[in-house]
Amino acid sequence: MFSYDCAKFAGFAKKCTPYQKDLIIEVELNGKMKFDHLLNAIYQQMGICYKVLSANVEYMNGANFGSFQLHVNATNEESEQLEFFLNKNKLLNTTVDYTCRKYS
């Protein structure tokens, strides 16, 4: 329910380019935006696929508080667009490049 991995959707699959990078994004919810609306905006409006790594979200009187981490594979333009969106909605966020070492 909380993962939109483009590789699984053949009709929506994005071609991976060398300009894409893996990022871990941590977001603090402050009650101004609902968790599910935020995830929907990231995938539906921006077309950015993600996986939820962890989430600690509390629902109080219709407001969402807490934090969550997303793993996204995005271009520089998409990551800037996501950062602008989060900042515009006054959501505290941190982005870290993610490097996964593969062993053969």
PDB file of N, CA and C in Angstrom:
ATOM      1  N   MET A   1       0.809  -1.192   0.000  1.00  0.00           N
ATOM      2  CA  MET A   1       0.000   0.000   0.000  1.00  0.00           C
ATOM      3  C   MET A   1       0.855   1.260   0.000  1.00  0.00           C
ATOM      4  N   PHE A   2       1.996   1.244   0.659  1.00  0.00           N
ATOM      5  CA  PHE A   2       2.812   2.451   0.759  1.00  0.00           C
ATOM      6  C   PHE A   2       4.066   2.375  -0.088  1.00  0.00           C
ATOM      7  N   SER A   3       4.026   1.623  -1.185  1.00  0.00           N
ATOM      8  CA  SER A   3       5.201   1.535  -2.029  1.00  0.00           C
ATOM      9  C   SER A   3       4.782   1.641  -3.487  1.00  0.00           C
ATOM     10  N   TYR A   4       5.345   2.573  -4.190  1.00  0.00           N
ATOM     11  CA  TYR A   4       5.118   2.696  -5.613  1.00  0.00           C
ATOM     12  C   TYR A   4       6.460   2.529  -6.295  1.00  0.00           C
ATOM     13  N   ASP A   5       6.757   1.318  -6.685  1.00  0.00           N
ATOM     14  CA  ASP A   5       8.011   0.995  -7.346  1.00  0.00           C
ATOM     15  C   ASP A   5       7.730   0.913  -8.841  1.00  0.00           C
ATOM     16  N   CYS A   6       8.259   1.844  -9.597  1.00  0.00           N
ATOM     17  CA  CYS A   6       7.949   1.924 -11.026  1.00  0.00           C
ATOM     18  C   CYS A   6       8.341   0.666 -11.789  1.00  0.00           C
ATOM     19  N   ALA A   7       9.344  -0.036 -11.329  1.00  0.00           N
ATOM     20  CA  ALA A   7       9.779  -1.232 -12.038  1.00  0.00           C
ATOM     21  C   ALA A   7       8.688  -2.293 -12.064  1.00  0.00           C
ATOM     22  N   LYS A   8       7.778  -2.273 -11.106  1.00  0.00           N
ATOM     23  CA  LYS A   8       6.718  -3.273 -11.027  1.00  0.00           C
ATOM     24  C   LYS A   8       5.557  -2.956 -11.959  1.00  0.00           C
ATOM     25  N   PHE A   9       5.440  -1.711 -12.400  1.00  0.00           N
ATOM     26  CA  PHE A   9       4.338  -1.300 -13.251  1.00  0.00           C
ATOM     27  C   PHE A   9       4.860  -1.081 -14.658  1.00  0.00           C
ATOM     28  N   ALA A  10       4.673  -2.082 -15.511  1.00  0.00           N
ATOM     29  CA  ALA A  10       5.244  -2.030 -16.861  1.00  0.00           C
ATOM     30  C   ALA A  10       4.745  -0.809 -17.636  1.00  0.00           C
ATOM     31  N   GLY A  11       3.495  -0.447 -17.467  1.00  0.00           N
ATOM     32  CA  GLY A  11       2.942   0.688 -18.192  1.00  0.00           C
ATOM     33  C   GLY A  11       3.477   2.021 -17.720  1.00  0.00           C
ATOM     34  N   PHE A  12       3.962   2.078 -16.482  1.00  0.00           N
ATOM     35  CA  PHE A  12       4.437   3.328 -15.920  1.00  0.00           C
ATOM     36  C   PHE A  12       5.943   3.317 -15.687  1.00  0.00           C
ATOM     37  N   ALA A  13       6.612   2.295 -16.152  1.00  0.00           N
ATOM     38  CA  ALA A  13       8.035   2.151 -15.846  1.00  0.00           C
ATOM     39  C   ALA A  13       8.842   3.284 -16.458  1.00  0.00           C
ATOM     40  N   LYS A  14       9.712   3.852 -15.659  1.00  0.00           N
ATOM     41  CA  LYS A  14      10.622   4.887 -16.137  1.00  0.00           C
ATOM     42  C   LYS A  14      11.917   4.200 -16.542  1.00  0.00           C
ATOM     43  N   LYS A  15      12.536   4.724 -17.573  1.00  0.00           N
ATOM     44  CA  LYS A  15      13.838   4.199 -17.948  1.00  0.00           C
ATOM     45  C   LYS A  15      14.870   4.762 -16.985  1.00  0.00           C
ATOM     46  N   CYS A  16      15.707   3.877 -16.470  1.00  0.00           N
ATOM     47  CA  CYS A  16      16.766   4.332 -15.571  1.00  0.00           C
ATOM     48  C   CYS A  16      17.853   5.001 -16.410  1.00  0.00           C
ATOM     49  N   THR A  17      18.268   6.135 -15.977  1.00  0.00           N
ATOM     50  CA  THR A  17      19.329   6.850 -16.658  1.00  0.00           C
ATOM     51  C   THR A  17      20.503   6.990 -15.714  1.00  0.00           C
ATOM     52  N   PRO A  18      21.674   7.244 -16.246  1.00  0.00           N
ATOM     53  CA  PRO A  18      22.834   7.412 -15.366  1.00  0.00           C
ATOM     54  C   PRO A  18      22.712   8.644 -14.478  1.00  0.00           C
ATOM     55  N   TYR A  19      21.737   9.518 -14.775  1.00  0.00           N
ATOM     56  CA  TYR A  19      21.574  10.734 -13.997  1.00  0.00           C
ATOM     57  C   TYR A  19      20.689  10.528 -12.779  1.00  0.00           C
ATOM     58  N   GLN A  20      20.104   9.344 -12.647  1.00  0.00           N
ATOM     59  CA  GLN A  20      19.281   9.066 -11.478  1.00  0.00           C
ATOM     60  C   GLN A  20      20.164   8.614 -10.330  1.00  0.00           C
ATOM     61  N   LYS A  21      19.723   8.948  -9.122  1.00  0.00           N
ATOM     62  CA  LYS A  21      20.469   8.518  -7.950  1.00  0.00           C
ATOM     63  C   LYS A  21      19.493   8.077  -6.870  1.00  0.00           C
ATOM     64  N   ASP A  22      19.972   7.191  -6.027  1.00  0.00           N
ATOM     65  CA  ASP A  22      19.171   6.714  -4.903  1.00  0.00           C
ATOM     66  C   ASP A  22      19.294   7.698  -3.755  1.00  0.00           C
ATOM     67  N   LEU A  23      18.155   8.050  -3.168  1.00  0.00           N
ATOM     68  CA  LEU A  23      18.127   8.992  -2.054  1.00  0.00           C
ATOM     69  C   LEU A  23      17.293   8.432  -0.918  1.00  0.00           C
ATOM     70  N   ILE A  24      17.678   8.774   0.288  1.00  0.00           N
ATOM     71  CA  ILE A  24      16.857   8.521   1.470  1.00  0.00           C
ATOM     72  C   ILE A  24      16.357   9.890   1.920  1.00  0.00           C
ATOM     73  N   ILE A  25      15.035  10.033   2.014  1.00  0.00           N
ATOM     74  CA  ILE A  25      14.439  11.299   2.423  1.00  0.00           C
ATOM     75  C   ILE A  25      13.673  11.079   3.709  1.00  0.00           C
ATOM     76  N   GLU A  26      14.012  11.855   4.725  1.00  0.00           N
ATOM     77  CA  GLU A  26      13.286  11.800   5.994  1.00  0.00           C
ATOM     78  C   GLU A  26      12.432  13.054   6.104  1.00  0.00           C
ATOM     79  N   VAL A  27      11.151  12.869   6.428  1.00  0.00           N
ATOM     80  CA  VAL A  27      10.199  13.973   6.482  1.00  0.00           C
ATOM     81  C   VAL A  27       9.512  13.984   7.840  1.00  0.00           C
ATOM     82  N   GLU A  28       9.404  15.181   8.424  1.00  0.00           N
ATOM     83  CA  GLU A  28       8.681  15.369   9.691  1.00  0.00           C
ATOM     84  C   GLU A  28       7.288  15.910   9.378  1.00  0.00           C
ATOM     85  N   LEU A  29       6.270  15.198   9.813  1.00  0.00           N
ATOM     86  CA  LEU A  29       4.891  15.655   9.628  1.00  0.00           C
ATOM     87  C   LEU A  29       4.528  16.592  10.772  1.00  0.00           C
ATOM     88  N   ASN A  30       3.932  17.729  10.439  1.00  0.00           N
ATOM     89  CA  ASN A  30       3.622  18.740  11.453  1.00  0.00           C
ATOM     90  C   ASN A  30       2.124  18.967  11.632  1.00  0.00           C
ATOM     91  N   GLY A  31       1.297  18.094  11.083  1.00  0.00           N
ATOM     92  CA  GLY A  31      -0.144  18.222  11.236  1.00  0.00           C
ATOM     93  C   GLY A  31      -0.816  19.024  10.138  1.00  0.00           C
ATOM     94  N   LYS A  32      -0.035  19.629   9.237  1.00  0.00           N
ATOM     95  CA  LYS A  32      -0.614  20.463   8.191  1.00  0.00           C
ATOM     96  C   LYS A  32      -0.991  19.669   6.948  1.00  0.00           C
ATOM     97  N   MET A  33      -0.391  18.503   6.771  1.00  0.00           N
ATOM     98  CA  MET A  33      -0.674  17.681   5.594  1.00  0.00           C
ATOM     99  C   MET A  33      -0.801  16.232   6.016  1.00  0.00           C
ATOM    100  N   LYS A  34      -1.783  15.539   5.443  1.00  0.00           N
ATOM    101  CA  LYS A  34      -1.996  14.139   5.788  1.00  0.00           C
ATOM    102  C   LYS A  34      -0.945  13.265   5.109  1.00  0.00           C
ATOM    103  N   PHE A  35      -0.543  12.220   5.809  1.00  0.00           N
ATOM    104  CA  PHE A  35       0.484  11.293   5.345  1.00  0.00           C
ATOM    105  C   PHE A  35       0.115  10.704   3.987  1.00  0.00           C
ATOM    106  N   ASP A  36      -1.095  10.173   3.842  1.00  0.00           N
ATOM    107  CA  ASP A  36      -1.486   9.543   2.587  1.00  0.00           C
ATOM    108  C   ASP A  36      -1.613  10.547   1.449  1.00  0.00           C
ATOM    109  N   HIS A  37      -2.027  11.786   1.744  1.00  0.00           N
ATOM    110  CA  HIS A  37      -2.104  12.824   0.712  1.00  0.00           C
ATOM    111  C   HIS A  37      -0.706  13.199   0.225  1.00  0.00           C
ATOM    112  N   LEU A  38       0.241  13.226   1.140  1.00  0.00           N
ATOM    113  CA  LEU A  38       1.627  13.543   0.781  1.00  0.00           C
ATOM    114  C   LEU A  38       2.209  12.465  -0.130  1.00  0.00           C
ATOM    115  N   LEU A  39       2.008  11.196   0.245  1.00  0.00           N
ATOM    116  CA  LEU A  39       2.523  10.104  -0.584  1.00  0.00           C
ATOM    117  C   LEU A  39       1.850  10.106  -1.956  1.00  0.00           C
ATOM    118  N   ASN A  40       0.562  10.382  -1.987  1.00  0.00           N
ATOM    119  CA  ASN A  40      -0.165  10.444  -3.253  1.00  0.00           C
ATOM    120  C   ASN A  40       0.375  11.566  -4.144  1.00  0.00           C
ATOM    121  N   ALA A  41       0.672  12.716  -3.562  1.00  0.00           N
ATOM    122  CA  ALA A  41       1.209  13.835  -4.331  1.00  0.00           C
ATOM    123  C   ALA A  41       2.583  13.494  -4.911  1.00  0.00           C
ATOM    124  N   ILE A  42       3.401  12.812  -4.130  1.00  0.00           N
ATOM    125  CA  ILE A  42       4.739  12.445  -4.602  1.00  0.00           C
ATOM    126  C   ILE A  42       4.653  11.531  -5.811  1.00  0.00           C
ATOM    127  N   TYR A  43       3.756  10.555  -5.758  1.00  0.00           N
ATOM    128  CA  TYR A  43       3.663   9.591  -6.857  1.00  0.00           C
ATOM    129  C   TYR A  43       2.793  10.092  -8.004  1.00  0.00           C
ATOM    130  N   GLN A  44       1.585  10.558  -7.713  1.00  0.00           N
ATOM    131  CA  GLN A  44       0.636  10.922  -8.765  1.00  0.00           C
ATOM    132  C   GLN A  44       0.985  12.244  -9.451  1.00  0.00           C
ATOM    133  N   GLN A  45       1.328  13.253  -8.679  1.00  0.00           N
ATOM    134  CA  GLN A  45       1.574  14.571  -9.262  1.00  0.00           C
ATOM    135  C   GLN A  45       2.991  14.732  -9.791  1.00  0.00           C
ATOM    136  N   MET A  46       3.971  14.188  -9.055  1.00  0.00           N
ATOM    137  CA  MET A  46       5.363  14.366  -9.463  1.00  0.00           C
ATOM    138  C   MET A  46       5.911  13.175 -10.233  1.00  0.00           C
ATOM    139  N   GLY A  47       5.227  12.031 -10.166  1.00  0.00           N
ATOM    140  CA  GLY A  47       5.693  10.843 -10.881  1.00  0.00           C
ATOM    141  C   GLY A  47       6.945  10.231 -10.299  1.00  0.00           C
ATOM    142  N   ILE A  48       7.168  10.428  -9.008  1.00  0.00           N
ATOM    143  CA  ILE A  48       8.364   9.897  -8.348  1.00  0.00           C
ATOM    144  C   ILE A  48       7.989   8.626  -7.608  1.00  0.00           C
ATOM    145  N   CYS A  49       8.666   7.535  -7.949  1.00  0.00           N
ATOM    146  CA  CYS A  49       8.420   6.256  -7.288  1.00  0.00           C
ATOM    147  C   CYS A  49       9.217   6.204  -5.987  1.00  0.00           C
ATOM    148  N   TYR A  50       8.671   5.512  -5.003  1.00  0.00           N
ATOM    149  CA  TYR A  50       9.307   5.462  -3.693  1.00  0.00           C
ATOM    150  C   TYR A  50       8.998   4.155  -2.994  1.00  0.00           C
ATOM    151  N   LYS A  51       9.744   3.900  -1.935  1.00  0.00           N
ATOM    152  CA  LYS A  51       9.473   2.822  -0.995  1.00  0.00           C
ATOM    153  C   LYS A  51       9.553   3.422   0.397  1.00  0.00           C
ATOM    154  N   VAL A  52       8.580   3.129   1.229  1.00  0.00           N
ATOM    155  CA  VAL A  52       8.607   3.610   2.607  1.00  0.00           C
ATOM    156  C   VAL A  52       9.523   2.687   3.398  1.00  0.00           C
ATOM    157  N   LEU A  53      10.581   3.249   3.956  1.00  0.00           N
ATOM    158  CA  LEU A  53      11.518   2.459   4.751  1.00  0.00           C
ATOM    159  C   LEU A  53      11.064   2.350   6.196  1.00  0.00           C
ATOM    160  N   SER A  54      10.576   3.452   6.740  1.00  0.00           N
ATOM    161  CA  SER A  54      10.060   3.442   8.112  1.00  0.00           C
ATOM    162  C   SER A  54       9.066   4.580   8.263  1.00  0.00           C
ATOM    163  N   ALA A  55       8.125   4.385   9.168  1.00  0.00           N
ATOM    164  CA  ALA A  55       7.127   5.427   9.410  1.00  0.00           C
ATOM    165  C   ALA A  55       6.668   5.347  10.854  1.00  0.00           C
ATOM    166  N   ASN A  56       6.628   6.490  11.495  1.00  0.00           N
ATOM    167  CA  ASN A  56       6.103   6.614  12.850  1.00  0.00           C
ATOM    168  C   ASN A  56       5.127   7.786  12.805  1.00  0.00           C
ATOM    169  N   VAL A  57       3.869   7.471  12.469  1.00  0.00           N
ATOM    170  CA  VAL A  57       2.867   8.516  12.230  1.00  0.00           C
ATOM    171  C   VAL A  57       1.736   8.362  13.230  1.00  0.00           C
ATOM    172  N   GLU A  58       1.384   9.468  13.871  1.00  0.00           N
ATOM    173  CA  GLU A  58       0.260   9.494  14.816  1.00  0.00           C
ATOM    174  C   GLU A  58      -0.842  10.350  14.226  1.00  0.00           C
ATOM    175  N   TYR A  59      -2.074   9.890  14.400  1.00  0.00           N
ATOM    176  CA  TYR A  59      -3.248  10.609  13.903  1.00  0.00           C
ATOM    177  C   TYR A  59      -4.000  11.172  15.094  1.00  0.00           C
ATOM    178  N   MET A  60      -4.105  12.510  15.165  1.00  0.00           N
ATOM    179  CA  MET A  60      -4.834  13.146  16.265  1.00  0.00           C
ATOM    180  C   MET A  60      -5.793  14.182  15.688  1.00  0.00           C
ATOM    181  N   ASN A  61      -7.090  13.949  15.880  1.00  0.00           N
ATOM    182  CA  ASN A  61      -8.127  14.862  15.402  1.00  0.00           C
ATOM    183  C   ASN A  61      -7.979  15.188  13.919  1.00  0.00           C
ATOM    184  N   GLY A  62      -7.648  14.191  13.112  1.00  0.00           N
ATOM    185  CA  GLY A  62      -7.512  14.386  11.673  1.00  0.00           C
ATOM    186  C   GLY A  62      -6.176  14.935  11.228  1.00  0.00           C
ATOM    187  N   ALA A  63      -5.302  15.265  12.166  1.00  0.00           N
ATOM    188  CA  ALA A  63      -3.972  15.792  11.817  1.00  0.00           C
ATOM    189  C   ALA A  63      -2.939  14.679  11.972  1.00  0.00           C
ATOM    190  N   ASN A  64      -1.921  14.706  11.128  1.00  0.00           N
ATOM    191  CA  ASN A  64      -0.871  13.691  11.143  1.00  0.00           C
ATOM    192  C   ASN A  64       0.425  14.280  11.678  1.00  0.00           C
ATOM    193  N   PHE A  65       1.012  13.588  12.648  1.00  0.00           N
ATOM    194  CA  PHE A  65       2.279  13.995  13.253  1.00  0.00           C
ATOM    195  C   PHE A  65       3.229  12.805  13.241  1.00  0.00           C
ATOM    196  N   GLY A  66       4.516  13.084  13.208  1.00  0.00           N
ATOM    197  CA  GLY A  66       5.514  12.029  13.248  1.00  0.00           C
ATOM    198  C   GLY A  66       6.524  12.204  12.142  1.00  0.00           C
ATOM    199  N   SER A  67       7.171  11.114  11.786  1.00  0.00           N
ATOM    200  CA  SER A  67       8.185  11.170  10.739  1.00  0.00           C
ATOM    201  C   SER A  67       8.190   9.864   9.955  1.00  0.00           C
ATOM    202  N   PHE A  68       8.754   9.945   8.749  1.00  0.00           N
ATOM    203  CA  PHE A  68       8.897   8.747   7.920  1.00  0.00           C
ATOM    204  C   PHE A  68      10.094   8.910   7.008  1.00  0.00           C
ATOM    205  N   GLN A  69      10.590   7.769   6.525  1.00  0.00           N
ATOM    206  CA  GLN A  69      11.720   7.759   5.608  1.00  0.00           C
ATOM    207  C   GLN A  69      11.302   7.097   4.304  1.00  0.00           C
ATOM    208  N   LEU A  70      11.685   7.721   3.200  1.00  0.00           N
ATOM    209  CA  LEU A  70      11.414   7.179   1.874  1.00  0.00           C
ATOM    210  C   LEU A  70      12.720   6.888   1.158  1.00  0.00           C
ATOM    211  N   HIS A  71      12.720   5.812   0.387  1.00  0.00           N
ATOM    212  CA  HIS A  71      13.822   5.520  -0.521  1.00  0.00           C
ATOM    213  C   HIS A  71      13.315   5.843  -1.916  1.00  0.00           C
ATOM    214  N   VAL A  72      13.929   6.806  -2.586  1.00  0.00           N
ATOM    215  CA  VAL A  72      13.514   7.193  -3.929  1.00  0.00           C
ATOM    216  C   VAL A  72      14.681   7.097  -4.898  1.00  0.00           C
ATOM    217  N   ASN A  73      14.358   6.825  -6.147  1.00  0.00           N
ATOM    218  CA  ASN A  73      15.335   6.841  -7.222  1.00  0.00           C
ATOM    219  C   ASN A  73      14.884   7.950  -8.153  1.00  0.00           C
ATOM    220  N   ALA A  74      15.624   9.059  -8.168  1.00  0.00           N
ATOM    221  CA  ALA A  74      15.171  10.238  -8.902  1.00  0.00           C
ATOM    222  C   ALA A  74      16.335  10.959  -9.560  1.00  0.00           C
ATOM    223  N   THR A  75      15.995  11.745 -10.572  1.00  0.00           N
ATOM    224  CA  THR A  75      16.987  12.603 -11.205  1.00  0.00           C
ATOM    225  C   THR A  75      17.201  13.827 -10.318  1.00  0.00           C
ATOM    226  N   ASN A  76      18.199  14.625 -10.652  1.00  0.00           N
ATOM    227  CA  ASN A  76      18.440  15.856  -9.885  1.00  0.00           C
ATOM    228  C   ASN A  76      17.228  16.776  -9.956  1.00  0.00           C
ATOM    229  N   GLU A  77      16.617  16.866 -11.130  1.00  0.00           N
ATOM    230  CA  GLU A  77      15.448  17.727 -11.307  1.00  0.00           C
ATOM    231  C   GLU A  77      14.279  17.243 -10.438  1.00  0.00           C
ATOM    232  N   GLU A  78      14.041  15.939 -10.415  1.00  0.00           N
ATOM    233  CA  GLU A  78      12.952  15.392  -9.606  1.00  0.00           C
ATOM    234  C   GLU A  78      13.211  15.582  -8.113  1.00  0.00           C
ATOM    235  N   SER A  79      14.450  15.386  -7.696  1.00  0.00           N
ATOM    236  CA  SER A  79      14.759  15.559  -6.274  1.00  0.00           C
ATOM    237  C   SER A  79      14.621  17.030  -5.864  1.00  0.00           C
ATOM    238  N   GLU A  80      14.992  17.958  -6.739  1.00  0.00           N
ATOM    239  CA  GLU A  80      14.796  19.385  -6.454  1.00  0.00           C
ATOM    240  C   GLU A  80      13.312  19.727  -6.396  1.00  0.00           C
ATOM    241  N   GLN A  81      12.531  19.143  -7.303  1.00  0.00           N
ATOM    242  CA  GLN A  81      11.084  19.362  -7.318  1.00  0.00           C
ATOM    243  C   GLN A  81      10.457  18.848  -6.026  1.00  0.00           C
ATOM    244  N   LEU A  82      10.877  17.678  -5.563  1.00  0.00           N
ATOM    245  CA  LEU A  82      10.360  17.114  -4.320  1.00  0.00           C
ATOM    246  C   LEU A  82      10.749  17.976  -3.124  1.00  0.00           C
ATOM    247  N   GLU A  83      12.003  18.422  -3.084  1.00  0.00           N
ATOM    248  CA  GLU A  83      12.456  19.281  -1.985  1.00  0.00           C
ATOM    249  C   GLU A  83      11.677  20.599  -1.964  1.00  0.00           C
ATOM    250  N   PHE A  84      11.440  21.189  -3.138  1.00  0.00           N
ATOM    251  CA  PHE A  84      10.661  22.424  -3.225  1.00  0.00           C
ATOM    252  C   PHE A  84       9.235  22.195  -2.713  1.00  0.00           C
ATOM    253  N   PHE A  85       8.622  21.076  -3.113  1.00  0.00           N
ATOM    254  CA  PHE A  85       7.268  20.746  -2.678  1.00  0.00           C
ATOM    255  C   PHE A  85       7.190  20.605  -1.157  1.00  0.00           C
ATOM    256  N   LEU A  86       8.155  19.895  -0.571  1.00  0.00           N
ATOM    257  CA  LEU A  86       8.161  19.696   0.882  1.00  0.00           C
ATOM    258  C   LEU A  86       8.367  21.019   1.612  1.00  0.00           C
ATOM    259  N   ASN A  87       9.293  21.831   1.122  1.00  0.00           N
ATOM    260  CA  ASN A  87       9.552  23.133   1.754  1.00  0.00           C
ATOM    261  C   ASN A  87       8.355  24.072   1.608  1.00  0.00           C
ATOM    262  N   LYS A  88       7.702  24.055   0.432  1.00  0.00           N
ATOM    263  CA  LYS A  88       6.534  24.895   0.201  1.00  0.00           C
ATOM    264  C   LYS A  88       5.413  24.553   1.187  1.00  0.00           C
ATOM    265  N   ASN A  89       5.306  23.268   1.530  1.00  0.00           N
ATOM    266  CA  ASN A  89       4.282  22.824   2.476  1.00  0.00           C
ATOM    267  C   ASN A  89       4.778  22.833   3.921  1.00  0.00           C
ATOM    268  N   LYS A  90       5.923  23.485   4.139  1.00  0.00           N
ATOM    269  CA  LYS A  90       6.506  23.671   5.474  1.00  0.00           C
ATOM    270  C   LYS A  90       6.718  22.355   6.213  1.00  0.00           C
ATOM    271  N   LEU A  91       7.232  21.353   5.466  1.00  0.00           N
ATOM    272  CA  LEU A  91       7.546  20.058   6.055  1.00  0.00           C
ATOM    273  C   LEU A  91       9.065  19.946   6.177  1.00  0.00           C
ATOM    274  N   LEU A  92       9.542  19.819   7.394  1.00  0.00           N
ATOM    275  CA  LEU A  92      10.969  19.675   7.642  1.00  0.00           C
ATOM    276  C   LEU A  92      11.443  18.379   6.990  1.00  0.00           C
ATOM    277  N   ASN A  93      12.531  18.452   6.222  1.00  0.00           N
ATOM    278  CA  ASN A  93      13.010  17.260   5.514  1.00  0.00           C
ATOM    279  C   ASN A  93      14.516  17.254   5.403  1.00  0.00           C
ATOM    280  N   THR A  94      15.050  16.053   5.305  1.00  0.00           N
ATOM    281  CA  THR A  94      16.481  15.838   5.137  1.00  0.00           C
ATOM    282  C   THR A  94      16.675  14.811   4.032  1.00  0.00           C
ATOM    283  N   THR A  95      17.610  15.078   3.130  1.00  0.00           N
ATOM    284  CA  THR A  95      17.896  14.159   2.032  1.00  0.00           C
ATOM    285  C   THR A  95      19.344  13.715   2.105  1.00  0.00           C
ATOM    286  N   VAL A  96      19.547  12.402   1.935  1.00  0.00           N
ATOM    287  CA  VAL A  96      20.884  11.828   1.973  1.00  0.00           C
ATOM    288  C   VAL A  96      21.054  10.935   0.754  1.00  0.00           C
ATOM    289  N   ASP A  97      22.191  11.062   0.054  1.00  0.00           N
ATOM    290  CA  ASP A  97      22.491  10.130  -1.038  1.00  0.00           C
ATOM    291  C   ASP A  97      22.686   8.751  -0.439  1.00  0.00           C
ATOM    292  N   TYR A  98      22.129   7.754  -1.132  1.00  0.00           N
ATOM    293  CA  TYR A  98      22.190   6.375  -0.644  1.00  0.00           C
ATOM    294  C   TYR A  98      23.044   5.556  -1.607  1.00  0.00           C
ATOM    295  N   THR A  99      24.064   4.935  -1.077  1.00  0.00           N
ATOM    296  CA  THR A  99      24.920   4.080  -1.878  1.00  0.00           C
ATOM    297  C   THR A  99      24.838   2.664  -1.316  1.00  0.00           C
ATOM    298  N   CYS A 100      24.434   1.766  -2.170  1.00  0.00           N
ATOM    299  CA  CYS A 100      24.307   0.364  -1.775  1.00  0.00           C
ATOM    300  C   CYS A 100      25.386  -0.422  -2.479  1.00  0.00           C
ATOM    301  N   ARG A 101      26.231  -1.048  -1.730  1.00  0.00           N
ATOM    302  CA  ARG A 101      27.314  -1.812  -2.301  1.00  0.00           C
ATOM    303  C   ARG A 101      26.814  -3.208  -2.648  1.00  0.00           C
ATOM    304  N   LYS A 102      27.043  -3.624  -3.891  1.00  0.00           N
ATOM    305  CA  LYS A 102      26.618  -4.945  -4.330  1.00  0.00           C
ATOM    306  C   LYS A 102      27.831  -5.853  -4.424  1.00  0.00           C
ATOM    307  N   TYR A 103      27.702  -7.021  -3.836  1.00  0.00           N
ATOM    308  CA  TYR A 103      28.779  -8.005  -3.858  1.00  0.00           C
ATOM    309  C   TYR A 103      28.441  -9.104  -4.840  1.00  0.00           C
ATOM    310  N   SER A 104      29.446  -9.565  -5.576  1.00  0.00           N
ATOM    311  CA  SER A 104      29.178 -10.643  -6.518  1.00  0.00           C
ATOM    312  C   SER A 104      29.828 -11.935  -6.064  1.00  0.00           C
TER     313      SER A 104
END
